[in-house]
Amino acid sequence: MVRSAGSARLGVGRYVIMPDHVHFFCRAEYEAQTLPKFVGAWKSWTSRKINKLLWPRSLTADFSSRG
């Protein structure tokens, strides 16, 4: 989360990870991106990380090659 926050120029404080969502506090740094852009970047980053954990590379390569 900190990596995503850094690229969006937002500081992330305390957070709680729930089974199907996350609560967290954030604040804008100087000349930060908008909150919707931050949320979009964070969701994209987390989904890529989660998919790497859940789907082995061999399965994703096989699935995408089937078209």
PDB file of N, CA and C in Angstrom:
ATOM      1  N   MET A   1       0.833  -1.188   0.000  1.00  0.00           N
ATOM      2  CA  MET A   1       0.000   0.000   0.000  1.00  0.00           C
ATOM      3  C   MET A   1       0.876   1.249   0.000  1.00  0.00           C
ATOM      4  N   VAL A   2       1.964   1.215   0.703  1.00  0.00           N
ATOM      5  CA  VAL A   2       2.837   2.381   0.762  1.00  0.00           C
ATOM      6  C   VAL A   2       3.431   2.678  -0.610  1.00  0.00           C
ATOM      7  N   ARG A   3       3.794   1.638  -1.363  1.00  0.00           N
ATOM      8  CA  ARG A   3       4.351   1.834  -2.701  1.00  0.00           C
ATOM      9  C   ARG A   3       3.351   2.542  -3.597  1.00  0.00           C
ATOM     10  N   SER A   4       2.127   2.091  -3.598  1.00  0.00           N
ATOM     11  CA  SER A   4       1.082   2.724  -4.405  1.00  0.00           C
ATOM     12  C   SER A   4       0.830   4.149  -3.941  1.00  0.00           C
ATOM     13  N   ALA A   5       0.825   4.341  -2.660  1.00  0.00           N
ATOM     14  CA  ALA A   5       0.591   5.679  -2.123  1.00  0.00           C
ATOM     15  C   ALA A   5       1.701   6.630  -2.533  1.00  0.00           C
ATOM     16  N   GLY A   6       2.927   6.143  -2.546  1.00  0.00           N
ATOM     17  CA  GLY A   6       4.050   6.988  -2.924  1.00  0.00           C
ATOM     18  C   GLY A   6       3.952   7.475  -4.357  1.00  0.00           C
ATOM     19  N   SER A   7       3.550   6.598  -5.280  1.00  0.00           N
ATOM     20  CA  SER A   7       3.440   6.997  -6.679  1.00  0.00           C
ATOM     21  C   SER A   7       2.287   7.965  -6.888  1.00  0.00           C
ATOM     22  N   ALA A   8       1.274   7.898  -6.049  1.00  0.00           N
ATOM     23  CA  ALA A   8       0.136   8.811  -6.161  1.00  0.00           C
ATOM     24  C   ALA A   8       0.334  10.055  -5.300  1.00  0.00           C
ATOM     25  N   ARG A   9       1.437  10.125  -4.569  1.00  0.00           N
ATOM     26  CA  ARG A   9       1.787  11.252  -3.709  1.00  0.00           C
ATOM     27  C   ARG A   9       0.763  11.466  -2.596  1.00  0.00           C
ATOM     28  N   LEU A  10       0.344  10.366  -1.991  1.00  0.00           N
ATOM     29  CA  LEU A  10      -0.544  10.417  -0.841  1.00  0.00           C
ATOM     30  C   LEU A  10       0.109   9.649   0.294  1.00  0.00           C
ATOM     31  N   GLY A  11      -0.028  10.178   1.503  1.00  0.00           N
ATOM     32  CA  GLY A  11       0.481   9.477   2.667  1.00  0.00           C
ATOM     33  C   GLY A  11      -0.600   8.581   3.243  1.00  0.00           C
ATOM     34  N   VAL A  12      -0.255   7.326   3.510  1.00  0.00           N
ATOM     35  CA  VAL A  12      -1.220   6.373   4.061  1.00  0.00           C
ATOM     36  C   VAL A  12      -0.864   6.107   5.509  1.00  0.00           C
ATOM     37  N   GLY A  13      -1.876   6.213   6.373  1.00  0.00           N
ATOM     38  CA  GLY A  13      -1.671   5.971   7.795  1.00  0.00           C
ATOM     39  C   GLY A  13      -2.160   4.593   8.194  1.00  0.00           C
ATOM     40  N   ARG A  14      -2.921   4.558   9.242  1.00  0.00           N
ATOM     41  CA  ARG A  14      -3.427   3.281   9.754  1.00  0.00           C
ATOM     42  C   ARG A  14      -4.418   2.660   8.783  1.00  0.00           C
ATOM     43  N   TYR A  15      -4.460   1.320   8.800  1.00  0.00           N
ATOM     44  CA  TYR A  15      -5.383   0.618   7.909  1.00  0.00           C
ATOM     45  C   TYR A  15      -5.862  -0.676   8.560  1.00  0.00           C
ATOM     46  N   VAL A  16      -7.004  -1.159   8.094  1.00  0.00           N
ATOM     47  CA  VAL A  16      -7.579  -2.423   8.541  1.00  0.00           C
ATOM     48  C   VAL A  16      -7.982  -3.198   7.301  1.00  0.00           C
ATOM     49  N   ILE A  17      -7.512  -4.436   7.191  1.00  0.00           N
ATOM     50  CA  ILE A  17      -7.863  -5.283   6.055  1.00  0.00           C
ATOM     51  C   ILE A  17      -8.991  -6.207   6.483  1.00  0.00           C
ATOM     52  N   MET A  18     -10.125  -6.092   5.808  1.00  0.00           N
ATOM     53  CA  MET A  18     -11.304  -6.906   6.078  1.00  0.00           C
ATOM     54  C   MET A  18     -11.354  -8.031   5.036  1.00  0.00           C
ATOM     55  N   PRO A  19     -12.236  -9.018   5.210  1.00  0.00           N
ATOM     56  CA  PRO A  19     -12.297 -10.115   4.232  1.00  0.00           C
ATOM     57  C   PRO A  19     -12.588  -9.660   2.798  1.00  0.00           C
ATOM     58  N   ASP A  20     -13.402  -8.623   2.635  1.00  0.00           N
ATOM     59  CA  ASP A  20     -13.769  -8.225   1.270  1.00  0.00           C
ATOM     60  C   ASP A  20     -13.541  -6.743   0.968  1.00  0.00           C
ATOM     61  N   HIS A  21     -12.864  -6.013   1.858  1.00  0.00           N
ATOM     62  CA  HIS A  21     -12.554  -4.607   1.603  1.00  0.00           C
ATOM     63  C   HIS A  21     -11.498  -4.113   2.593  1.00  0.00           C
ATOM     64  N   VAL A  22     -11.082  -2.874   2.421  1.00  0.00           N
ATOM     65  CA  VAL A  22     -10.038  -2.283   3.258  1.00  0.00           C
ATOM     66  C   VAL A  22     -10.491  -0.908   3.726  1.00  0.00           C
ATOM     67  N   HIS A  23     -10.156  -0.566   4.964  1.00  0.00           N
ATOM     68  CA  HIS A  23     -10.356   0.790   5.483  1.00  0.00           C
ATOM     69  C   HIS A  23      -8.971   1.374   5.727  1.00  0.00           C
ATOM     70  N   PHE A  24      -8.741   2.621   5.306  1.00  0.00           N
ATOM     71  CA  PHE A  24      -7.472   3.258   5.612  1.00  0.00           C
ATOM     72  C   PHE A  24      -7.603   4.770   5.588  1.00  0.00           C
ATOM     73  N   PHE A  25      -6.692   5.410   6.311  1.00  0.00           N
ATOM     74  CA  PHE A  25      -6.604   6.872   6.334  1.00  0.00           C
ATOM     75  C   PHE A  25      -5.487   7.289   5.395  1.00  0.00           C
ATOM     76  N   CYS A  26      -5.743   8.334   4.616  1.00  0.00           N
ATOM     77  CA  CYS A  26      -4.685   8.871   3.761  1.00  0.00           C
ATOM     78  C   CYS A  26      -4.797  10.388   3.723  1.00  0.00           C
ATOM     79  N   ARG A  27      -3.685  11.023   3.386  1.00  0.00           N
ATOM     80  CA  ARG A  27      -3.692  12.476   3.243  1.00  0.00           C
ATOM     81  C   ARG A  27      -2.866  12.835   2.019  1.00  0.00           C
ATOM     82  N   ALA A  28      -3.239  13.920   1.380  1.00  0.00           N
ATOM     83  CA  ALA A  28      -2.552  14.360   0.166  1.00  0.00           C
ATOM     84  C   ALA A  28      -1.219  15.001   0.509  1.00  0.00           C
ATOM     85  N   GLU A  29      -0.200  14.630  -0.228  1.00  0.00           N
ATOM     86  CA  GLU A  29       1.089  15.310  -0.148  1.00  0.00           C
ATOM     87  C   GLU A  29       1.019  16.524  -1.074  1.00  0.00           C
ATOM     88  N   TYR A  30       2.071  17.305  -1.128  1.00  0.00           N
ATOM     89  CA  TYR A  30       2.120  18.484  -1.988  1.00  0.00           C
ATOM     90  C   TYR A  30       1.900  18.075  -3.442  1.00  0.00           C
ATOM     91  N   GLU A  31       0.994  18.736  -4.133  1.00  0.00           N
ATOM     92  CA  GLU A  31       0.653  18.477  -5.533  1.00  0.00           C
ATOM     93  C   GLU A  31       0.291  17.010  -5.774  1.00  0.00           C
ATOM     94  N   ALA A  32      -0.535  16.468  -4.910  1.00  0.00           N
ATOM     95  CA  ALA A  32      -0.932  15.070  -5.029  1.00  0.00           C
ATOM     96  C   ALA A  32      -1.927  14.876  -6.160  1.00  0.00           C
ATOM     97  N   GLN A  33      -2.028  13.629  -6.601  1.00  0.00           N
ATOM     98  CA  GLN A  33      -3.069  13.274  -7.552  1.00  0.00           C
ATOM     99  C   GLN A  33      -4.409  13.323  -6.829  1.00  0.00           C
ATOM    100  N   THR A  34      -5.475  13.237  -7.583  1.00  0.00           N
ATOM    101  CA  THR A  34      -6.800  13.234  -6.973  1.00  0.00           C
ATOM    102  C   THR A  34      -7.041  11.904  -6.261  1.00  0.00           C
ATOM    103  N   LEU A  35      -7.969  11.903  -5.330  1.00  0.00           N
ATOM    104  CA  LEU A  35      -8.301  10.683  -4.605  1.00  0.00           C
ATOM    105  C   LEU A  35      -8.792   9.582  -5.543  1.00  0.00           C
ATOM    106  N   PRO A  36      -9.667   9.873  -6.525  1.00  0.00           N
ATOM    107  CA  PRO A  36     -10.079   8.805  -7.448  1.00  0.00           C
ATOM    108  C   PRO A  36      -8.902   8.183  -8.209  1.00  0.00           C
ATOM    109  N   LYS A  37      -7.916   8.983  -8.598  1.00  0.00           N
ATOM    110  CA  LYS A  37      -6.742   8.428  -9.284  1.00  0.00           C
ATOM    111  C   LYS A  37      -5.935   7.542  -8.339  1.00  0.00           C
ATOM    112  N   PHE A  38      -5.814   7.973  -7.085  1.00  0.00           N
ATOM    113  CA  PHE A  38      -5.108   7.162  -6.100  1.00  0.00           C
ATOM    114  C   PHE A  38      -5.816   5.827  -5.893  1.00  0.00           C
ATOM    115  N   VAL A  39      -7.127   5.863  -5.707  1.00  0.00           N
ATOM    116  CA  VAL A  39      -7.887   4.632  -5.471  1.00  0.00           C
ATOM    117  C   VAL A  39      -7.760   3.702  -6.673  1.00  0.00           C
ATOM    118  N   GLY A  40      -7.858   4.250  -7.880  1.00  0.00           N
ATOM    119  CA  GLY A  40      -7.704   3.430  -9.083  1.00  0.00           C
ATOM    120  C   GLY A  40      -6.332   2.786  -9.165  1.00  0.00           C
ATOM    121  N   ALA A  41      -5.279   3.560  -8.878  1.00  0.00           N
ATOM    122  CA  ALA A  41      -3.917   3.021  -8.911  1.00  0.00           C
ATOM    123  C   ALA A  41      -3.728   1.961  -7.835  1.00  0.00           C
ATOM    124  N   TRP A  42      -4.277   2.209  -6.658  1.00  0.00           N
ATOM    125  CA  TRP A  42      -4.141   1.255  -5.562  1.00  0.00           C
ATOM    126  C   TRP A  42      -4.880  -0.049  -5.871  1.00  0.00           C
ATOM    127  N   LYS A  43      -6.086   0.043  -6.416  1.00  0.00           N
ATOM    128  CA  LYS A  43      -6.848  -1.159  -6.765  1.00  0.00           C
ATOM    129  C   LYS A  43      -6.141  -1.959  -7.855  1.00  0.00           C
ATOM    130  N   SER A  44      -5.572  -1.268  -8.819  1.00  0.00           N
ATOM    131  CA  SER A  44      -4.837  -1.941  -9.886  1.00  0.00           C
ATOM    132  C   SER A  44      -3.612  -2.667  -9.329  1.00  0.00           C
ATOM    133  N   TRP A  45      -2.857  -1.983  -8.485  1.00  0.00           N
ATOM    134  CA  TRP A  45      -1.649  -2.561  -7.905  1.00  0.00           C
ATOM    135  C   TRP A  45      -1.978  -3.776  -7.043  1.00  0.00           C
ATOM    136  N   THR A  46      -2.997  -3.640  -6.171  1.00  0.00           N
ATOM    137  CA  THR A  46      -3.337  -4.754  -5.284  1.00  0.00           C
ATOM    138  C   THR A  46      -3.896  -5.939  -6.056  1.00  0.00           C
ATOM    139  N   SER A  47      -4.694  -5.695  -7.095  1.00  0.00           N
ATOM    140  CA  SER A  47      -5.243  -6.822  -7.857  1.00  0.00           C
ATOM    141  C   SER A  47      -4.140  -7.584  -8.584  1.00  0.00           C
ATOM    142  N   ARG A  48      -3.131  -6.879  -9.097  1.00  0.00           N
ATOM    143  CA  ARG A  48      -2.010  -7.571  -9.748  1.00  0.00           C
ATOM    144  C   ARG A  48      -1.242  -8.422  -8.740  1.00  0.00           C
ATOM    145  N   LYS A  49      -1.011  -7.882  -7.550  1.00  0.00           N
ATOM    146  CA  LYS A  49      -0.291  -8.635  -6.517  1.00  0.00           C
ATOM    147  C   LYS A  49      -1.083  -9.863  -6.073  1.00  0.00           C
ATOM    148  N   ILE A  50      -2.370  -9.698  -5.863  1.00  0.00           N
ATOM    149  CA  ILE A  50      -3.215 -10.815  -5.424  1.00  0.00           C
ATOM    150  C   ILE A  50      -3.297 -11.881  -6.507  1.00  0.00           C
ATOM    151  N   ASN A  51      -3.468 -11.470  -7.762  1.00  0.00           N
ATOM    152  CA  ASN A  51      -3.536 -12.437  -8.859  1.00  0.00           C
ATOM    153  C   ASN A  51      -2.247 -13.233  -9.001  1.00  0.00           C
ATOM    154  N   LYS A  52      -1.101 -12.613  -8.765  1.00  0.00           N
ATOM    155  CA  LYS A  52       0.166 -13.344  -8.812  1.00  0.00           C
ATOM    156  C   LYS A  52       0.216 -14.420  -7.733  1.00  0.00           C
ATOM    157  N   LEU A  53      -0.365 -14.138  -6.578  1.00  0.00           N
ATOM    158  CA  LEU A  53      -0.380 -15.120  -5.497  1.00  0.00           C
ATOM    159  C   LEU A  53      -1.366 -16.254  -5.763  1.00  0.00           C
ATOM    160  N   LEU A  54      -2.516 -15.921  -6.352  1.00  0.00           N
ATOM    161  CA  LEU A  54      -3.573 -16.910  -6.539  1.00  0.00           C
ATOM    162  C   LEU A  54      -3.436 -17.749  -7.800  1.00  0.00           C
ATOM    163  N   TRP A  55      -2.878 -17.184  -8.860  1.00  0.00           N
ATOM    164  CA  TRP A  55      -2.805 -17.864 -10.146  1.00  0.00           C
ATOM    165  C   TRP A  55      -1.359 -18.099 -10.538  1.00  0.00           C
ATOM    166  N   PRO A  56      -0.918 -19.353 -10.507  1.00  0.00           N
ATOM    167  CA  PRO A  56       0.451 -19.642 -10.953  1.00  0.00           C
ATOM    168  C   PRO A  56       0.646 -19.224 -12.408  1.00  0.00           C
ATOM    169  N   ARG A  57       1.856 -18.838 -12.753  1.00  0.00           N
ATOM    170  CA  ARG A  57       2.177 -18.353 -14.100  1.00  0.00           C
ATOM    171  C   ARG A  57       1.767 -19.365 -15.179  1.00  0.00           C
ATOM    172  N   SER A  58       1.960 -20.656 -14.942  1.00  0.00           N
ATOM    173  CA  SER A  58       1.621 -21.669 -15.943  1.00  0.00           C
ATOM    174  C   SER A  58       0.125 -21.673 -16.248  1.00  0.00           C
ATOM    175  N   LEU A  59      -0.708 -21.457 -15.246  1.00  0.00           N
ATOM    176  CA  LEU A  59      -2.152 -21.437 -15.476  1.00  0.00           C
ATOM    177  C   LEU A  59      -2.586 -20.196 -16.244  1.00  0.00           C
ATOM    178  N   THR A  60      -2.040 -19.046 -15.914  1.00  0.00           N
ATOM    179  CA  THR A  60      -2.428 -17.824 -16.617  1.00  0.00           C
ATOM    180  C   THR A  60      -1.941 -17.847 -18.051  1.00  0.00           C
ATOM    181  N   ALA A  61      -0.765 -18.403 -18.324  1.00  0.00           N
ATOM    182  CA  ALA A  61      -0.253 -18.502 -19.698  1.00  0.00           C
ATOM    183  C   ALA A  61      -1.137 -19.437 -20.512  1.00  0.00           C
ATOM    184  N   ASP A  62      -1.537 -20.568 -19.928  1.00  0.00           N
ATOM    185  CA  ASP A  62      -2.396 -21.526 -20.627  1.00  0.00           C
ATOM    186  C   ASP A  62      -3.761 -20.918 -20.911  1.00  0.00           C
ATOM    187  N   PHE A  63      -4.328 -20.235 -19.933  1.00  0.00           N
ATOM    188  CA  PHE A  63      -5.649 -19.633 -20.096  1.00  0.00           C
ATOM    189  C   PHE A  63      -5.638 -18.557 -21.176  1.00  0.00           C
ATOM    190  N   SER A  64      -4.632 -17.688 -21.176  1.00  0.00           N
ATOM    191  CA  SER A  64      -4.586 -16.599 -22.156  1.00  0.00           C
ATOM    192  C   SER A  64      -4.274 -17.098 -23.557  1.00  0.00           C
ATOM    193  N   SER A  65      -3.602 -18.240 -23.692  1.00  0.00           N
ATOM    194  CA  SER A  65      -3.277 -18.759 -25.023  1.00  0.00           C
ATOM    195  C   SER A  65      -4.487 -19.401 -25.695  1.00  0.00           C
ATOM    196  N   ARG A  66      -5.515 -19.721 -24.932  1.00  0.00           N
ATOM    197  CA  ARG A  66      -6.719 -20.341 -25.509  1.00  0.00           C
ATOM    198  C   ARG A  66      -7.588 -19.340 -26.244  1.00  0.00           C
ATOM    199  N   GLY A  67      -7.412 -18.054 -25.933  1.00  0.00           N
ATOM    200  CA  GLY A  67      -8.150 -16.992 -26.631  1.00  0.00           C
ATOM    201  C   GLY A  67      -9.578 -17.018 -26.299  1.00  0.00           C
TER     202      GLY A  67
END
